[in-house]
Every structure is written in C-alpha cells, then in structure tokens.
C-alpha cells in the first residue's frame, strides 16, 4: 500500500461526527475550501446537481426562530413545551457555520435519486475536508430538511431536496475512537 493510499484511508477511518463545537468560527477561506471539496464528488450525466447555502452569523438565529415556530408541540407536556421550543430555537446555533447541501431537481425519478446520491457524496467530501482542516463536522437531516418554512427561507426550489445540514466549527472535545464490523460481515463476492 502506498503512503498516499494509507493517508487517505486513515483520514476516512479517523473522521468523526463531532456535534460539540467552540463558538469561534473557522476563517471564511477554510469554509470555502471545505465546500469546494464537495464539488469534486462524482455525479450523473456530467451535471453538478447540487448547491450550497452557507448559514452563519445572525442567519442562524433567524432560522432557529423558524425551526421553533414550526415545531409541533401537541404531544409535549405543557410544562416542557418552552424547554423543547428553546432547544429547537438553538438548533442552528450549535455551530458557528451550517451548510445546507441541496440536491437539484430532475426530470425523472431516476435522475432525482442520482442527484440526491451525488449530493450525499458531496456531503461526505465536505466532512472529510473539514477533518483535514482540523474542523469538526456534523451531518444532520431530520424534519427541518423537509420543513416548508425552512425550505422557503433557504430558497430551495421546487423538486430540490435538502440532503443535509452540515455543522462546521472547531471541535470542543476529542472524539472517541470508533470501530466497525469486519468488512467480511457486510460483503459477499459474486464471482460467477
């Protein structure tokens, strides 16, 4: 195995989702390099089927207010509702920068799936680039990826889909080492 291969595989194995970040924002140039790395993901039909909305500064609080105002609290006990609402209000403030990764619309369901898969690959590139830059990265989806008021605020077009919200910042903790099942437990070879 070459040194380059070893380095790439080590980065893949060492990268962790880190949700706890310091308040200090990475420099704009760092964020731009991380997002630019996303654009080198593979895609279908020679089209780059994604775009990115970088959410920073006061925009995080504005989106947090939208998140809190669209929360269905009917199942929450009345005395817990404000606490739940406050947590939702802070959803975009967990990191100094959040990048919405948006897959483009397509003419067919097959192409829509291809676009989504390509945008997911772009998201993984972002996470690996963040790791290489010494940043924390965390990929989230959840209800906000489909919430009409959030889609409108981010100007997500008809037929487009949010693949994820990638929180970026400097880690506030050292991630734990992780393990995976042996590759043989997840694969089978078809040779004839």
Protein backbone atom coordinates (compact mmCIF):
# COMPACT_ATOMS: atom_id res chain seq x y z
CA UNK A 1 0.00 0.00 0.00
CA UNK A 2 1.37 3.42 -0.93
CA UNK A 3 1.85 6.19 1.63
CA UNK A 4 -0.82 8.25 -0.16
CA UNK A 5 -3.33 5.40 0.00
CA UNK A 6 -2.55 4.87 3.66
CA UNK A 7 -3.05 8.59 4.38
CA UNK A 8 -6.42 8.69 2.61
CA UNK A 9 -7.68 5.53 4.31
CA UNK A 10 -6.53 6.82 7.70
CA UNK A 11 -8.45 10.09 7.16
CA UNK A 12 -11.59 8.11 6.30
CA UNK A 13 -11.20 5.96 9.42
CA UNK A 14 -10.31 8.85 11.75
CA UNK A 15 -13.07 11.26 10.74
CA UNK A 16 -15.83 11.50 13.36
CA UNK A 17 -19.07 13.41 13.63
CA UNK A 18 -18.46 15.98 16.35
CA UNK A 19 -21.56 17.86 17.44
CA UNK A 20 -19.97 19.92 20.22
CA UNK A 21 -18.12 22.91 18.78
CA UNK A 22 -16.44 26.04 20.05
CA UNK A 23 -18.04 29.42 19.34
CA UNK A 24 -15.10 30.56 17.22
CA UNK A 25 -15.86 30.32 13.51
CA UNK A 26 -13.31 28.90 11.10
CA UNK A 27 -11.98 31.50 8.64
CA UNK A 28 -14.10 32.07 5.55
CA UNK A 29 -11.30 30.68 3.35
CA UNK A 30 -11.40 27.42 5.30
CA UNK A 31 -15.16 27.10 4.85
CA UNK A 32 -14.77 27.85 1.14
CA UNK A 33 -12.11 25.11 0.78
CA UNK A 34 -14.39 22.65 2.58
CA UNK A 35 -17.34 23.48 0.31
CA UNK A 36 -15.12 23.44 -2.77
CA UNK A 37 -14.06 19.90 -1.86
CA UNK A 38 -17.73 18.92 -2.04
CA UNK A 39 -17.85 19.87 -5.71
CA UNK A 40 -15.34 17.15 -6.56
CA UNK A 41 -17.81 14.38 -5.72
CA UNK A 42 -18.94 12.08 -8.54
CA UNK A 43 -22.15 12.96 -10.35
CA UNK A 44 -24.50 11.64 -13.00
CA UNK A 45 -24.85 12.92 -16.57
CA UNK A 46 -21.96 15.41 -16.38
CA UNK A 47 -24.03 17.80 -14.25
CA UNK A 48 -23.09 19.10 -10.83
CA UNK A 49 -26.51 18.51 -9.23
CA UNK A 50 -26.07 20.47 -6.02
CA UNK A 51 -25.71 23.85 -4.47
CA UNK A 52 -24.91 25.07 -1.01
CA UNK A 53 -26.32 27.69 1.34
CA UNK A 54 -23.85 28.77 3.99
CA UNK A 55 -25.64 29.85 7.15
CA UNK A 56 -23.61 31.99 9.54
CA UNK A 57 -23.93 34.96 11.85
CA UNK A 58 -27.44 36.17 12.64
CA UNK A 59 -28.95 33.96 9.94
CA UNK A 60 -28.53 31.05 12.36
CA UNK A 61 -30.83 32.73 14.90
CA UNK A 62 -33.36 33.63 12.19
CA UNK A 63 -33.53 30.02 11.03
CA UNK A 64 -33.69 28.89 14.66
CA UNK A 65 -36.77 31.05 15.17
CA UNK A 66 -38.37 29.45 12.11
CA UNK A 67 -37.47 26.00 13.45
CA UNK A 68 -39.03 26.80 16.84
CA UNK A 69 -42.17 28.36 15.36
CA UNK A 70 -42.86 25.33 13.14
CA UNK A 71 -42.41 22.77 15.90
CA UNK A 72 -45.46 20.63 16.69
CA UNK A 73 -45.69 20.64 20.48
CA UNK A 74 -49.09 18.94 20.75
CA UNK A 75 -47.56 15.74 22.19
CA UNK A 76 -45.25 17.55 24.62
CA UNK A 77 -46.40 18.09 28.21
CA UNK A 78 -47.42 21.75 28.68
CA UNK A 79 -44.73 22.37 31.30
CA UNK A 80 -42.00 21.11 28.93
CA UNK A 81 -43.03 22.97 25.79
CA UNK A 82 -40.93 26.09 26.31
CA UNK A 83 -37.84 24.00 27.01
CA UNK A 84 -38.43 21.99 23.82
CA UNK A 85 -39.05 25.20 21.86
CA UNK A 86 -35.82 26.76 23.24
CA UNK A 87 -33.82 23.71 22.23
CA UNK A 88 -35.25 23.90 18.71
CA UNK A 89 -34.54 27.65 18.60
CA UNK A 90 -30.87 26.88 19.19
CA UNK A 91 -30.63 24.16 16.57
CA UNK A 92 -28.67 26.30 14.06
CA UNK A 93 -26.58 27.93 16.81
CA UNK A 94 -24.84 24.68 17.78
CA UNK A 95 -22.08 25.52 15.31
CA UNK A 96 -20.68 28.80 14.04
CA UNK A 97 -21.37 27.77 10.43
CA UNK A 98 -24.00 25.46 8.97
CA UNK A 99 -24.01 24.47 5.30
CA UNK A 100 -27.26 23.34 3.73
CA UNK A 101 -26.48 20.86 0.95
CA UNK A 102 -29.23 20.93 -1.66
CA UNK A 103 -29.73 18.37 -4.43
CA UNK A 104 -31.13 19.75 -7.65
CA UNK A 105 -34.47 18.80 -9.13
CA UNK A 106 -34.54 16.39 -12.05
CA UNK A 107 -36.71 15.42 -14.99
CA UNK A 108 -37.22 11.83 -13.86
CA UNK A 109 -37.38 9.93 -10.56
CA UNK A 110 -34.22 8.04 -11.52
CA UNK A 111 -32.31 11.28 -12.13
CA UNK A 112 -33.68 12.72 -8.87
CA UNK A 113 -32.22 9.74 -7.00
CA UNK A 114 -28.93 10.13 -8.85
CA UNK A 115 -28.82 13.83 -7.90
CA UNK A 116 -29.55 13.03 -4.25
CA UNK A 117 -26.85 10.35 -4.19
CA UNK A 118 -24.33 12.72 -5.77
CA UNK A 119 -25.16 15.46 -3.26
CA UNK A 120 -24.73 12.91 -0.44
CA UNK A 121 -21.28 12.06 -1.84
CA UNK A 122 -20.54 15.81 -1.92
CA UNK A 123 -21.55 15.99 1.75
CA UNK A 124 -19.10 13.21 2.63
CA UNK A 125 -16.38 15.11 0.79
CA UNK A 126 -17.18 18.15 2.94
CA UNK A 127 -16.88 16.10 6.12
CA UNK A 128 -13.53 14.67 5.05
CA UNK A 129 -12.27 18.12 4.06
CA UNK A 130 -13.42 19.53 7.41
CA UNK A 131 -11.48 16.77 9.16
CA UNK A 132 -8.39 17.58 7.08
CA UNK A 133 -8.76 21.26 8.03
CA UNK A 134 -8.89 20.43 11.75
CA UNK A 135 -12.57 21.29 11.93
CA UNK A 136 -15.49 19.46 13.46
CA UNK A 137 -18.29 18.44 11.14
CA UNK A 138 -21.72 17.01 11.81
CA UNK A 139 -24.30 15.96 9.18
CA UNK A 140 -27.93 16.32 10.25
CA UNK A 141 -31.23 15.98 8.46
CA UNK A 142 -34.47 15.48 10.38
CA UNK A 143 -37.72 17.32 9.99
CA UNK A 144 -36.08 20.64 9.13
CA UNK A 145 -34.81 19.21 5.86
CA UNK A 146 -38.46 18.95 4.80
CA UNK A 147 -39.99 21.89 6.71
CA UNK A 148 -41.67 24.23 4.16
CA UNK A 149 -40.77 27.42 6.07
CA UNK A 150 -37.09 26.40 6.20
CA UNK A 151 -37.14 25.44 2.52
CA UNK A 152 -38.60 28.85 1.71
CA UNK A 153 -36.06 30.70 3.86
CA UNK A 154 -33.22 28.87 2.10
CA UNK A 155 -34.85 29.40 -1.32
CA UNK A 156 -34.95 25.68 -2.05
CA UNK A 157 -36.59 25.31 -5.44
CA UNK A 158 -39.42 23.04 -6.45
CA UNK A 159 -38.23 19.45 -6.73
CA UNK A 160 -34.97 20.19 -4.90
CA UNK A 161 -34.13 18.37 -1.66
CA UNK A 162 -32.01 19.21 1.32
CA UNK A 163 -29.55 16.36 1.69
CA UNK A 164 -28.30 17.64 5.00
CA UNK A 165 -27.26 20.46 7.23
CA UNK A 166 -23.52 20.21 7.85
CA UNK A 167 -22.46 21.95 11.03
CA UNK A 168 -18.87 23.20 10.87
CA UNK A 169 -16.60 24.64 13.54
CA UNK A 170 -13.67 23.82 15.74
CA UNK A 171 -14.17 20.77 17.96
CA UNK A 172 -14.89 21.39 21.65
CA UNK A 173 -13.95 17.81 22.52
CA UNK A 174 -11.77 14.98 21.33
CA UNK A 175 -13.89 12.34 19.59
CA UNK A 176 -13.81 8.76 20.79
CA UNK A 177 -12.23 6.12 18.66
CA UNK A 178 -14.74 4.03 16.78
CA UNK A 179 -14.88 0.50 15.47
CA UNK A 180 -16.64 -1.10 12.56
CA UNK A 181 -17.65 -4.66 11.88
CA UNK A 182 -15.16 -6.58 9.75
CA UNK A 183 -15.77 -5.92 6.08
CA UNK A 184 -16.43 -9.63 5.57
CA UNK A 185 -19.55 -9.36 7.73
CA UNK A 186 -21.04 -6.86 5.27
CA UNK A 187 -19.93 -8.17 1.90
CA UNK A 188 -20.18 -11.13 -0.36
CA UNK A 189 -18.29 -11.81 -3.55
CA UNK A 190 -20.14 -12.77 -6.69
CA UNK A 191 -17.58 -14.34 -9.00
CA UNK A 192 -19.67 -16.36 -11.45
